[in-house]
Amino acid sequence: MASLEIQIDDTVLAEAKKVLHSLGLDVEMAVNIYLRRIALEKGLPMPMAVVSPKWTENDSDEGMKETDNDAKSRSRANNKITAEMIDEVWQAFLRYTRGLGEINPLSTEVSIKTGMNRGSAFIYLTVLTNLVKGEPNTRVVKYKDLVHLMDKIRSELGESQYQNALRSLEASVPYWREKISGTFADKVENYCRDHSNE
C-alpha cells in the first residue's frame, strides 16, 4: 500500500476536519474515498464548472447586486443537512429503486434541487442502496437521519427490506467501530438490538 504526504494550509485543514467530522469521516478516509472516486470515474468526481452570479445593475444603485435566484442556486460545501434534503434524497432513492436513474446523476439532481452538497447526497444514496441490499456500509450518515431513513424503509418498502437494512447495519458496526471515532457504532448497535426483536 502506498503512503501519501500532503502539504496544506492549517486553516483549510482545520475547516475540512470540522466538515468531515460532521459526516463521520476523518481526513485519511476522505482522501481515500476521493482518490477511489477519481480512479472509478476516470476523472474528478465533481463538476468543475462554477456557477457565476448574475449581476443586475440598478440605476439607483451604484454597485452590483446578486439576484435571489443566484443565491439559491449556489451552495456552500458545508451546508447543514436539512429534513428537506433528506426527503429529496429519499425521493431520488425511490426513483433509483424503480430503475429511473443512477446514483451519480440523482445525487447531482438532489444537490441542484435542495442545495445539499453533491458528495453528501451521493453518500446518502449509497448508504440507502447498501441498506436495502443487506450489504455493509463503510460510509456514514448522521445518526438521526439514519433512524429516519430506516423508518422510511420499513413503512414504504416493507419488512423484508427493513430486515435487509438491519443486517446491513449489523455488518457495518465492526468497520465503523474501528474507523469512526465517537459513539456512532454503539448507537447503531443499540438500534439493531432494539429493533431486531420487533
N, C-alpha and C. Protein backbone atom coordinates (compact mmCIF):
# COMPACT_ATOMS: atom_id res chain seq x y z
N MET A 1 0.84 -1.17 0.00
CA MET A 1 0.00 0.00 0.00
C MET A 1 0.89 1.24 0.00
N ALA A 2 0.55 2.21 -0.81
CA ALA A 2 1.34 3.43 -0.93
C ALA A 2 1.04 4.39 0.20
N SER A 3 2.02 5.22 0.51
CA SER A 3 1.86 6.27 1.51
C SER A 3 1.87 7.60 0.79
N LEU A 4 1.11 8.56 1.29
CA LEU A 4 0.96 9.85 0.63
C LEU A 4 1.16 10.96 1.64
N GLU A 5 1.95 11.97 1.28
CA GLU A 5 2.14 13.13 2.14
C GLU A 5 1.58 14.33 1.41
N ILE A 6 0.74 15.10 2.11
CA ILE A 6 0.10 16.27 1.51
C ILE A 6 0.41 17.49 2.37
N GLN A 7 0.81 18.57 1.73
CA GLN A 7 1.03 19.82 2.44
C GLN A 7 -0.16 20.72 2.16
N ILE A 8 -0.78 21.20 3.24
CA ILE A 8 -1.98 22.02 3.10
C ILE A 8 -2.00 23.05 4.21
N ASP A 9 -2.59 24.18 3.95
CA ASP A 9 -2.71 25.26 4.92
C ASP A 9 -3.43 24.77 6.17
N ASP A 10 -2.94 25.15 7.34
CA ASP A 10 -3.53 24.71 8.62
C ASP A 10 -5.00 25.11 8.74
N THR A 11 -5.33 26.31 8.28
CA THR A 11 -6.71 26.78 8.37
C THR A 11 -7.64 25.93 7.51
N VAL A 12 -7.20 25.62 6.30
CA VAL A 12 -8.00 24.77 5.41
C VAL A 12 -8.18 23.39 6.02
N LEU A 13 -7.11 22.85 6.58
CA LEU A 13 -7.18 21.52 7.19
C LEU A 13 -8.14 21.52 8.38
N ALA A 14 -8.08 22.55 9.21
CA ALA A 14 -8.96 22.62 10.38
C ALA A 14 -10.43 22.70 9.95
N GLU A 15 -10.71 23.51 8.93
CA GLU A 15 -12.09 23.63 8.44
C GLU A 15 -12.56 22.32 7.82
N ALA A 16 -11.69 21.68 7.06
CA ALA A 16 -12.04 20.39 6.44
C ALA A 16 -12.32 19.34 7.51
N LYS A 17 -11.53 19.34 8.57
CA LYS A 17 -11.73 18.37 9.66
C LYS A 17 -13.10 18.55 10.31
N LYS A 18 -13.53 19.82 10.48
CA LYS A 18 -14.85 20.08 11.06
C LYS A 18 -15.94 19.49 10.18
N VAL A 19 -15.85 19.75 8.88
CA VAL A 19 -16.86 19.25 7.94
C VAL A 19 -16.85 17.73 7.91
N LEU A 20 -15.67 17.15 7.81
CA LEU A 20 -15.56 15.69 7.75
C LEU A 20 -16.06 15.05 9.03
N HIS A 21 -15.77 15.66 10.17
CA HIS A 21 -16.24 15.11 11.44
C HIS A 21 -17.76 15.05 11.47
N SER A 22 -18.42 16.09 10.93
CA SER A 22 -19.89 16.10 10.90
C SER A 22 -20.44 14.99 10.01
N LEU A 23 -19.63 14.48 9.09
CA LEU A 23 -20.02 13.38 8.22
C LEU A 23 -19.55 12.03 8.75
N GLY A 24 -18.86 12.05 9.88
CA GLY A 24 -18.36 10.81 10.45
C GLY A 24 -17.10 10.30 9.78
N LEU A 25 -16.34 11.20 9.17
CA LEU A 25 -15.12 10.82 8.46
C LEU A 25 -13.92 11.55 9.05
N ASP A 26 -12.73 11.02 8.78
CA ASP A 26 -11.52 11.75 9.08
C ASP A 26 -10.82 12.08 7.76
N VAL A 27 -9.74 12.82 7.82
CA VAL A 27 -9.06 13.27 6.60
C VAL A 27 -8.55 12.09 5.78
N GLU A 28 -7.96 11.11 6.44
CA GLU A 28 -7.43 9.95 5.71
C GLU A 28 -8.53 9.22 4.95
N MET A 29 -9.68 9.03 5.60
CA MET A 29 -10.79 8.35 4.94
C MET A 29 -11.29 9.17 3.75
N ALA A 30 -11.40 10.48 3.94
CA ALA A 30 -11.91 11.35 2.88
C ALA A 30 -10.98 11.34 1.67
N VAL A 31 -9.68 11.42 1.91
CA VAL A 31 -8.72 11.39 0.80
C VAL A 31 -8.78 10.04 0.09
N ASN A 32 -8.90 8.97 0.87
CA ASN A 32 -9.01 7.63 0.30
C ASN A 32 -10.25 7.53 -0.59
N ILE A 33 -11.39 8.00 -0.09
CA ILE A 33 -12.64 7.98 -0.87
C ILE A 33 -12.48 8.81 -2.13
N TYR A 34 -11.91 10.00 -1.99
CA TYR A 34 -11.74 10.90 -3.12
C TYR A 34 -10.88 10.27 -4.21
N LEU A 35 -9.76 9.68 -3.82
CA LEU A 35 -8.87 9.06 -4.81
C LEU A 35 -9.53 7.85 -5.47
N ARG A 36 -10.29 7.09 -4.69
CA ARG A 36 -11.01 5.95 -5.28
C ARG A 36 -12.04 6.42 -6.30
N ARG A 37 -12.73 7.52 -5.98
CA ARG A 37 -13.74 8.05 -6.91
C ARG A 37 -13.06 8.53 -8.20
N ILE A 38 -11.92 9.16 -8.08
CA ILE A 38 -11.18 9.61 -9.27
C ILE A 38 -10.84 8.41 -10.14
N ALA A 39 -10.33 7.35 -9.52
CA ALA A 39 -9.97 6.14 -10.28
C ALA A 39 -11.20 5.50 -10.90
N LEU A 40 -12.29 5.44 -10.14
CA LEU A 40 -13.52 4.81 -10.63
C LEU A 40 -14.16 5.59 -11.76
N GLU A 41 -14.22 6.91 -11.61
CA GLU A 41 -14.89 7.74 -12.60
C GLU A 41 -13.95 8.23 -13.71
N LYS A 42 -12.67 7.90 -13.60
CA LYS A 42 -11.68 8.32 -14.59
C LYS A 42 -11.68 9.84 -14.77
N GLY A 43 -11.85 10.53 -13.68
CA GLY A 43 -11.87 11.98 -13.67
C GLY A 43 -12.26 12.46 -12.30
N LEU A 44 -12.35 13.76 -12.12
CA LEU A 44 -12.73 14.30 -10.82
C LEU A 44 -14.20 13.98 -10.55
N PRO A 45 -14.53 13.54 -9.33
CA PRO A 45 -15.90 13.13 -9.02
C PRO A 45 -16.83 14.29 -8.65
N MET A 46 -16.60 15.42 -9.28
CA MET A 46 -17.45 16.58 -9.04
C MET A 46 -17.37 17.48 -10.26
N PRO A 47 -18.41 18.24 -10.50
CA PRO A 47 -18.33 19.16 -11.63
C PRO A 47 -17.32 20.26 -11.35
N MET A 48 -16.55 20.60 -12.35
CA MET A 48 -15.54 21.65 -12.17
C MET A 48 -16.07 23.02 -12.60
N ALA A 49 -17.29 23.04 -13.14
CA ALA A 49 -17.89 24.32 -13.52
C ALA A 49 -18.33 25.05 -12.26
N VAL A 50 -18.16 26.34 -12.27
CA VAL A 50 -18.56 27.16 -11.14
C VAL A 50 -19.72 28.04 -11.58
N VAL A 51 -20.75 28.10 -10.76
CA VAL A 51 -21.87 28.97 -11.07
C VAL A 51 -21.44 30.39 -10.75
N SER A 52 -21.43 31.23 -11.78
CA SER A 52 -21.06 32.62 -11.53
C SER A 52 -22.34 33.42 -11.32
N PRO A 53 -22.33 34.29 -10.35
CA PRO A 53 -23.54 35.05 -10.05
C PRO A 53 -23.90 35.99 -11.20
N LYS A 54 -25.21 36.12 -11.42
CA LYS A 54 -25.70 37.09 -12.40
C LYS A 54 -25.89 38.39 -11.64
N TRP A 55 -25.40 39.42 -12.20
CA TRP A 55 -25.50 40.71 -11.53
C TRP A 55 -26.48 41.58 -12.29
N THR A 56 -27.28 42.32 -11.56
CA THR A 56 -28.20 43.25 -12.20
C THR A 56 -27.79 44.65 -11.78
N GLU A 57 -27.80 45.53 -12.72
CA GLU A 57 -27.42 46.89 -12.41
C GLU A 57 -28.70 47.70 -12.26
N ASN A 58 -28.81 48.37 -11.17
CA ASN A 58 -29.97 49.19 -10.91
C ASN A 58 -29.53 50.64 -11.00
N ASP A 59 -30.32 51.46 -11.73
CA ASP A 59 -29.92 52.86 -11.92
C ASP A 59 -29.75 53.59 -10.59
N SER A 60 -30.55 53.19 -9.60
CA SER A 60 -30.45 53.90 -8.32
C SER A 60 -29.30 53.39 -7.46
N ASP A 61 -28.75 52.23 -7.81
CA ASP A 61 -27.62 51.70 -7.05
C ASP A 61 -26.33 51.94 -7.81
N GLU A 62 -25.29 52.23 -7.08
CA GLU A 62 -24.02 52.43 -7.74
C GLU A 62 -23.26 51.13 -7.90
N GLY A 63 -23.64 50.10 -7.14
CA GLY A 63 -22.94 48.82 -7.20
C GLY A 63 -23.75 47.79 -7.96
N MET A 64 -23.33 46.59 -7.81
CA MET A 64 -24.00 45.47 -8.45
C MET A 64 -24.67 44.65 -7.37
N LYS A 65 -25.77 43.99 -7.74
CA LYS A 65 -26.48 43.14 -6.79
C LYS A 65 -26.61 41.74 -7.35
N GLU A 66 -26.55 40.80 -6.46
CA GLU A 66 -26.76 39.41 -6.82
C GLU A 66 -28.27 39.17 -6.78
N THR A 67 -28.80 38.47 -7.78
CA THR A 67 -30.23 38.18 -7.78
C THR A 67 -30.54 37.07 -6.78
N ASP A 68 -31.79 37.00 -6.32
CA ASP A 68 -32.21 35.99 -5.35
C ASP A 68 -32.01 34.58 -5.88
N ASN A 69 -32.30 34.36 -7.15
CA ASN A 69 -32.15 33.03 -7.74
C ASN A 69 -30.71 32.55 -7.69
N ASP A 70 -29.78 33.48 -7.88
CA ASP A 70 -28.37 33.09 -7.86
C ASP A 70 -27.94 32.67 -6.46
N ALA A 71 -28.43 33.36 -5.47
CA ALA A 71 -28.08 32.99 -4.10
C ALA A 71 -28.61 31.61 -3.77
N LYS A 72 -29.80 31.26 -4.29
CA LYS A 72 -30.37 29.94 -4.04
C LYS A 72 -29.66 28.85 -4.84
N SER A 73 -29.19 29.18 -6.04
CA SER A 73 -28.62 28.14 -6.91
C SER A 73 -27.21 27.73 -6.47
N ARG A 74 -26.52 28.60 -5.75
CA ARG A 74 -25.20 28.25 -5.26
C ARG A 74 -25.31 27.69 -3.86
N SER A 75 -24.44 26.78 -3.54
CA SER A 75 -24.45 26.25 -2.18
C SER A 75 -23.02 26.11 -1.69
N ARG A 76 -22.86 26.23 -0.40
CA ARG A 76 -21.55 26.02 0.19
C ARG A 76 -21.35 24.54 0.39
N ALA A 77 -20.13 24.13 0.41
CA ALA A 77 -19.81 22.71 0.54
C ALA A 77 -20.20 22.16 1.90
N ASN A 78 -20.33 23.01 2.91
CA ASN A 78 -20.63 22.50 4.24
C ASN A 78 -22.00 22.95 4.74
N ASN A 79 -22.99 22.99 3.83
CA ASN A 79 -24.35 23.29 4.25
C ASN A 79 -24.82 22.27 5.26
N LYS A 80 -25.62 22.71 6.22
CA LYS A 80 -26.23 21.79 7.17
C LYS A 80 -27.25 20.95 6.41
N ILE A 81 -27.26 19.66 6.67
CA ILE A 81 -28.20 18.77 6.01
C ILE A 81 -29.55 18.92 6.70
N THR A 82 -30.57 19.28 5.91
CA THR A 82 -31.90 19.57 6.45
C THR A 82 -32.86 18.43 6.17
N ALA A 83 -34.03 18.50 6.81
CA ALA A 83 -35.09 17.50 6.59
C ALA A 83 -35.53 17.51 5.13
N GLU A 84 -35.60 18.70 4.53
CA GLU A 84 -35.97 18.81 3.11
C GLU A 84 -34.97 18.05 2.23
N MET A 85 -33.69 18.18 2.54
CA MET A 85 -32.66 17.48 1.77
C MET A 85 -32.82 15.97 1.91
N ILE A 86 -33.07 15.49 3.14
CA ILE A 86 -33.24 14.06 3.37
C ILE A 86 -34.46 13.54 2.63
N ASP A 87 -35.55 14.31 2.64
CA ASP A 87 -36.75 13.89 1.91
C ASP A 87 -36.48 13.81 0.41
N GLU A 88 -35.71 14.74 -0.11
CA GLU A 88 -35.38 14.70 -1.54
C GLU A 88 -34.46 13.53 -1.85
N VAL A 89 -33.53 13.22 -0.95
CA VAL A 89 -32.68 12.04 -1.12
C VAL A 89 -33.56 10.80 -1.17
N TRP A 90 -34.55 10.72 -0.29
CA TRP A 90 -35.45 9.56 -0.26
C TRP A 90 -36.21 9.43 -1.59
N GLN A 91 -36.73 10.55 -2.09
CA GLN A 91 -37.46 10.50 -3.37
C GLN A 91 -36.53 10.06 -4.51
N ALA A 92 -35.30 10.55 -4.49
CA ALA A 92 -34.32 10.13 -5.51
C ALA A 92 -34.02 8.65 -5.37
N PHE A 93 -33.91 8.17 -4.14
CA PHE A 93 -33.65 6.75 -3.90
C PHE A 93 -34.80 5.89 -4.43
N LEU A 94 -36.03 6.33 -4.23
CA LEU A 94 -37.18 5.58 -4.76
C LEU A 94 -37.12 5.51 -6.28
N ARG A 95 -36.72 6.62 -6.91
CA ARG A 95 -36.56 6.59 -8.38
C ARG A 95 -35.47 5.60 -8.77
N TYR A 96 -34.39 5.56 -8.00
CA TYR A 96 -33.30 4.62 -8.27
C TYR A 96 -33.79 3.18 -8.16
N THR A 97 -34.58 2.88 -7.13
CA THR A 97 -35.07 1.50 -6.94
C THR A 97 -36.03 1.09 -8.05
N ARG A 98 -36.66 2.06 -8.69
CA ARG A 98 -37.57 1.76 -9.80
C ARG A 98 -36.85 1.75 -11.15
N GLY A 99 -35.54 1.93 -11.11
CA GLY A 99 -34.77 1.93 -12.35
C GLY A 99 -34.88 3.21 -13.13
N LEU A 100 -35.23 4.30 -12.46
CA LEU A 100 -35.44 5.58 -13.15
C LEU A 100 -34.27 6.54 -13.00
N GLY A 101 -33.11 6.01 -12.70
CA GLY A 101 -31.92 6.85 -12.59
C GLY A 101 -30.79 6.11 -11.92
N GLU A 102 -29.60 6.66 -12.05
CA GLU A 102 -28.40 6.11 -11.41
C GLU A 102 -27.98 7.06 -10.29
N ILE A 103 -27.18 6.55 -9.38
CA ILE A 103 -26.84 7.30 -8.18
C ILE A 103 -26.12 8.62 -8.49
N ASN A 104 -25.14 8.61 -9.39
CA ASN A 104 -24.40 9.85 -9.67
C ASN A 104 -25.31 10.97 -10.18
N PRO A 105 -26.10 10.73 -11.25
CA PRO A 105 -26.98 11.82 -11.71
C PRO A 105 -28.05 12.20 -10.68
N LEU A 106 -28.54 11.21 -9.94
CA LEU A 106 -29.56 11.51 -8.93
C LEU A 106 -28.98 12.36 -7.80
N SER A 107 -27.72 12.11 -7.42
CA SER A 107 -27.11 12.93 -6.37
C SER A 107 -26.92 14.37 -6.85
N THR A 108 -26.60 14.52 -8.12
CA THR A 108 -26.49 15.87 -8.69
C THR A 108 -27.85 16.56 -8.68
N GLU A 109 -28.89 15.80 -9.03
CA GLU A 109 -30.25 16.34 -9.03
C GLU A 109 -30.66 16.80 -7.62
N VAL A 110 -30.38 15.98 -6.62
CA VAL A 110 -30.70 16.35 -5.23
C VAL A 110 -29.95 17.63 -4.86
N SER A 111 -28.70 17.71 -5.24
CA SER A 111 -27.88 18.88 -4.93
C SER A 111 -28.46 20.15 -5.56
N ILE A 112 -28.86 20.04 -6.81
CA ILE A 112 -29.42 21.21 -7.51
C ILE A 112 -30.74 21.63 -6.89
N LYS A 113 -31.59 20.65 -6.57
CA LYS A 113 -32.92 20.96 -6.03
C LYS A 113 -32.88 21.54 -4.63
N THR A 114 -31.97 21.05 -3.79
CA THR A 114 -32.02 21.40 -2.37
C THR A 114 -30.82 22.19 -1.86
N GLY A 115 -29.73 22.22 -2.63
CA GLY A 115 -28.51 22.86 -2.14
C GLY A 115 -27.64 21.93 -1.32
N MET A 116 -28.06 20.66 -1.20
CA MET A 116 -27.26 19.68 -0.46
C MET A 116 -25.96 19.45 -1.23
N ASN A 117 -24.87 19.31 -0.52
CA ASN A 117 -23.60 19.01 -1.15
C ASN A 117 -23.75 17.73 -1.97
N ARG A 118 -23.26 17.74 -3.21
CA ARG A 118 -23.42 16.59 -4.09
C ARG A 118 -22.77 15.34 -3.50
N GLY A 119 -21.61 15.50 -2.88
CA GLY A 119 -20.93 14.37 -2.27
C GLY A 119 -21.75 13.78 -1.13
N SER A 120 -22.39 14.63 -0.34
CA SER A 120 -23.24 14.14 0.75
C SER A 120 -24.44 13.40 0.19
N ALA A 121 -25.05 13.95 -0.86
CA ALA A 121 -26.19 13.27 -1.49
C ALA A 121 -25.76 11.90 -2.01
N PHE A 122 -24.58 11.84 -2.61
CA PHE A 122 -24.05 10.57 -3.12
C PHE A 122 -23.87 9.57 -1.97
N ILE A 123 -23.32 10.03 -0.86
CA ILE A 123 -23.11 9.15 0.30
C ILE A 123 -24.45 8.64 0.82
N TYR A 124 -25.43 9.53 0.98
CA TYR A 124 -26.73 9.11 1.49
C TYR A 124 -27.38 8.09 0.56
N LEU A 125 -27.32 8.32 -0.74
CA LEU A 125 -27.90 7.37 -1.70
C LEU A 125 -27.17 6.04 -1.68
N THR A 126 -25.85 6.07 -1.56
CA THR A 126 -25.07 4.84 -1.49
C THR A 126 -25.40 4.06 -0.22
N VAL A 127 -25.50 4.75 0.90
CA VAL A 127 -25.85 4.09 2.16
C VAL A 127 -27.22 3.44 2.04
N LEU A 128 -28.20 4.16 1.49
CA LEU A 128 -29.54 3.59 1.31
C LEU A 128 -29.51 2.35 0.43
N THR A 129 -28.76 2.41 -0.65
CA THR A 129 -28.66 1.26 -1.56
C THR A 129 -28.10 0.05 -0.84
N ASN A 130 -27.03 0.25 -0.10
CA ASN A 130 -26.44 -0.87 0.65
C ASN A 130 -27.37 -1.39 1.73
N LEU A 131 -28.12 -0.49 2.36
CA LEU A 131 -29.06 -0.92 3.40
C LEU A 131 -30.09 -1.90 2.84
N VAL A 132 -30.76 -1.53 1.75
CA VAL A 132 -31.83 -2.40 1.25
C VAL A 132 -31.29 -3.68 0.61
N LYS A 133 -30.02 -3.67 0.22
CA LYS A 133 -29.40 -4.89 -0.31
C LYS A 133 -28.86 -5.78 0.82
N GLY A 134 -28.83 -5.25 2.04
CA GLY A 134 -28.28 -6.01 3.16
C GLY A 134 -26.77 -6.05 3.16
N GLU A 135 -26.14 -5.13 2.44
CA GLU A 135 -24.68 -5.10 2.34
C GLU A 135 -24.09 -4.09 3.32
N PRO A 136 -22.89 -4.37 3.83
CA PRO A 136 -22.29 -3.44 4.80
C PRO A 136 -21.94 -2.10 4.18
N ASN A 137 -21.96 -1.08 5.01
CA ASN A 137 -21.58 0.27 4.61
C ASN A 137 -20.26 0.65 5.25
N THR A 138 -19.44 1.38 4.51
CA THR A 138 -18.25 1.98 5.09
C THR A 138 -18.47 3.47 5.29
N ARG A 139 -19.45 4.01 4.62
CA ARG A 139 -19.77 5.43 4.77
C ARG A 139 -20.85 5.57 5.83
N VAL A 140 -20.96 6.77 6.36
CA VAL A 140 -21.94 7.00 7.41
C VAL A 140 -22.77 8.23 7.09
N VAL A 141 -23.95 8.27 7.71
CA VAL A 141 -24.81 9.45 7.66
C VAL A 141 -25.09 9.83 9.12
N LYS A 142 -25.63 11.01 9.33
CA LYS A 142 -25.95 11.41 10.70
C LYS A 142 -26.90 10.37 11.30
N TYR A 143 -26.71 10.07 12.57
CA TYR A 143 -27.49 9.01 13.21
C TYR A 143 -28.99 9.28 13.14
N LYS A 144 -29.40 10.52 13.41
CA LYS A 144 -30.84 10.81 13.38
C LYS A 144 -31.39 10.65 11.97
N ASP A 145 -30.60 10.97 10.96
CA ASP A 145 -31.03 10.75 9.58
C ASP A 145 -31.13 9.26 9.28
N LEU A 146 -30.19 8.49 9.80
CA LEU A 146 -30.22 7.04 9.61
C LEU A 146 -31.50 6.45 10.18
N VAL A 147 -31.86 6.85 11.39
CA VAL A 147 -33.09 6.35 12.03
C VAL A 147 -34.30 6.74 11.20
N HIS A 148 -34.34 7.98 10.73
CA HIS A 148 -35.45 8.44 9.89
C HIS A 148 -35.54 7.61 8.61
N LEU A 149 -34.41 7.36 7.98
CA LEU A 149 -34.41 6.57 6.74
C LEU A 149 -34.77 5.11 7.00
N MET A 150 -34.37 4.57 8.13
CA MET A 150 -34.78 3.21 8.49
C MET A 150 -36.30 3.14 8.65
N ASP A 151 -36.90 4.17 9.26
CA ASP A 151 -38.36 4.23 9.38
C ASP A 151 -39.01 4.28 8.00
N LYS A 152 -38.42 5.05 7.10
CA LYS A 152 -38.95 5.15 5.72
C LYS A 152 -38.86 3.80 5.02
N ILE A 153 -37.73 3.12 5.18
CA ILE A 153 -37.57 1.80 4.56
C ILE A 153 -38.66 0.87 5.06
N ARG A 154 -38.88 0.86 6.36
CA ARG A 154 -39.87 -0.05 6.94
C ARG A 154 -41.28 0.29 6.48
N SER A 155 -41.64 1.57 6.51
CA SER A 155 -43.02 1.95 6.20
C SER A 155 -43.32 1.95 4.70
N GLU A 156 -42.33 2.26 3.86
CA GLU A 156 -42.60 2.39 2.43
C GLU A 156 -42.10 1.22 1.59
N LEU A 157 -41.09 0.51 2.06
CA LEU A 157 -40.54 -0.60 1.27
C LEU A 157 -40.87 -1.96 1.86
N GLY A 158 -41.31 -2.00 3.10
CA GLY A 158 -41.75 -3.25 3.69
C GLY A 158 -40.76 -3.91 4.62
N GLU A 159 -41.26 -4.93 5.32
CA GLU A 159 -40.50 -5.61 6.37
C GLU A 159 -39.27 -6.33 5.83
N SER A 160 -39.38 -6.93 4.65
CA SER A 160 -38.25 -7.67 4.07
C SER A 160 -37.05 -6.74 3.84
N GLN A 161 -37.31 -5.58 3.25
CA GLN A 161 -36.23 -4.61 3.00
C GLN A 161 -35.70 -4.06 4.32
N TYR A 162 -36.59 -3.89 5.29
CA TYR A 162 -36.17 -3.40 6.61
C TYR A 162 -35.24 -4.40 7.28
N GLN A 163 -35.56 -5.69 7.18
CA GLN A 163 -34.69 -6.72 7.75
C GLN A 163 -33.33 -6.73 7.06
N ASN A 164 -33.33 -6.53 5.72
CA ASN A 164 -32.06 -6.39 4.99
C ASN A 164 -31.26 -5.22 5.56
N ALA A 165 -31.95 -4.11 5.81
CA ALA A 165 -31.28 -2.92 6.32
C ALA A 165 -30.69 -3.17 7.70
N LEU A 166 -31.42 -3.89 8.55
CA LEU A 166 -30.88 -4.24 9.87
C LEU A 166 -29.62 -5.10 9.73
N ARG A 167 -29.65 -6.08 8.80
CA ARG A 167 -28.47 -6.92 8.57
C ARG A 167 -27.30 -6.07 8.08
N SER A 168 -27.59 -5.11 7.21
CA SER A 168 -26.55 -4.21 6.71
C SER A 168 -25.91 -3.43 7.87
N LEU A 169 -26.75 -2.90 8.74
CA LEU A 169 -26.23 -2.14 9.88
C LEU A 169 -25.38 -3.02 10.78
N GLU A 170 -25.88 -4.22 11.09
CA GLU A 170 -25.13 -5.14 11.96
C GLU A 170 -23.76 -5.47 11.35
N ALA A 171 -23.74 -5.66 10.03
CA ALA A 171 -22.48 -5.99 9.35
C ALA A 171 -21.54 -4.79 9.28
N SER A 172 -22.08 -3.58 9.37
CA SER A 172 -21.28 -2.36 9.26
C SER A 172 -20.64 -1.94 10.58
N VAL A 173 -21.24 -2.34 11.69
CA VAL A 173 -20.79 -1.89 13.02
C VAL A 173 -19.31 -2.14 13.27
N PRO A 174 -18.77 -3.34 12.99
CA PRO A 174 -17.34 -3.55 13.27
C PRO A 174 -16.43 -2.57 12.53
N TYR A 175 -16.73 -2.30 11.27
CA TYR A 175 -15.93 -1.34 10.50
C TYR A 175 -16.04 0.05 11.12
N TRP A 176 -17.27 0.47 11.41
CA TRP A 176 -17.47 1.80 11.98
C TRP A 176 -16.79 1.92 13.34
N ARG A 177 -16.85 0.87 14.13
CA ARG A 177 -16.23 0.91 15.46
C ARG A 177 -14.72 1.13 15.33
N GLU A 178 -14.13 0.49 14.32
CA GLU A 178 -12.69 0.61 14.12
C GLU A 178 -12.30 1.95 13.51
N LYS A 179 -13.08 2.45 12.55
CA LYS A 179 -12.66 3.59 11.75
C LYS A 179 -13.28 4.93 12.15
N ILE A 180 -14.45 4.90 12.80
CA ILE A 180 -15.15 6.14 13.10
C ILE A 180 -15.04 6.43 14.59
N SER A 181 -14.50 7.60 14.93
CA SER A 181 -14.41 7.94 16.35
C SER A 181 -15.78 8.36 16.86
N GLY A 182 -15.96 8.30 18.15
CA GLY A 182 -17.24 8.69 18.73
C GLY A 182 -18.11 7.48 19.02
N THR A 183 -19.41 7.74 19.19
CA THR A 183 -20.34 6.69 19.63
C THR A 183 -21.25 6.19 18.52
N PHE A 184 -20.98 6.55 17.28
CA PHE A 184 -21.87 6.18 16.18
C PHE A 184 -22.10 4.66 16.13
N ALA A 185 -21.03 3.88 16.17
CA ALA A 185 -21.17 2.42 16.08
C ALA A 185 -21.98 1.87 17.25
N ASP A 186 -21.79 2.41 18.44
CA ASP A 186 -22.55 1.96 19.61
C ASP A 186 -24.04 2.28 19.44
N LYS A 187 -24.33 3.47 18.95
CA LYS A 187 -25.74 3.85 18.74
C LYS A 187 -26.39 2.91 17.73
N VAL A 188 -25.69 2.62 16.64
CA VAL A 188 -26.25 1.73 15.61
C VAL A 188 -26.43 0.33 16.18
N GLU A 189 -25.46 -0.14 16.94
CA GLU A 189 -25.57 -1.48 17.54
C GLU A 189 -26.79 -1.55 18.47
N ASN A 190 -26.99 -0.51 19.27
CA ASN A 190 -28.16 -0.47 20.15
C ASN A 190 -29.45 -0.41 19.35
N TYR A 191 -29.46 0.36 18.27
CA TYR A 191 -30.64 0.43 17.40
C TYR A 191 -30.98 -0.97 16.87
N CYS A 192 -29.98 -1.67 16.38
CA CYS A 192 -30.19 -3.02 15.83
C CYS A 192 -30.74 -3.95 16.91
N ARG A 193 -30.16 -3.89 18.08
CA ARG A 193 -30.61 -4.75 19.18
C ARG A 193 -32.07 -4.44 19.54
N ASP A 194 -32.41 -3.15 19.60
CA ASP A 194 -33.76 -2.75 19.98
C ASP A 194 -34.80 -3.09 18.91
N HIS A 195 -34.39 -3.14 17.65
CA HIS A 195 -35.36 -3.32 16.56
C HIS A 195 -35.34 -4.71 15.93
N SER A 196 -34.37 -5.52 16.25
CA SER A 196 -34.31 -6.84 15.60
C SER A 196 -35.31 -7.82 16.20
N ASN A 197 -35.82 -7.54 17.38
CA ASN A 197 -36.77 -8.46 18.02
C ASN A 197 -38.21 -7.99 17.91
N GLU A 198 -38.47 -6.99 17.10
CA GLU A 198 -39.84 -6.46 16.98
C GLU A 198 -40.70 -7.37 16.13
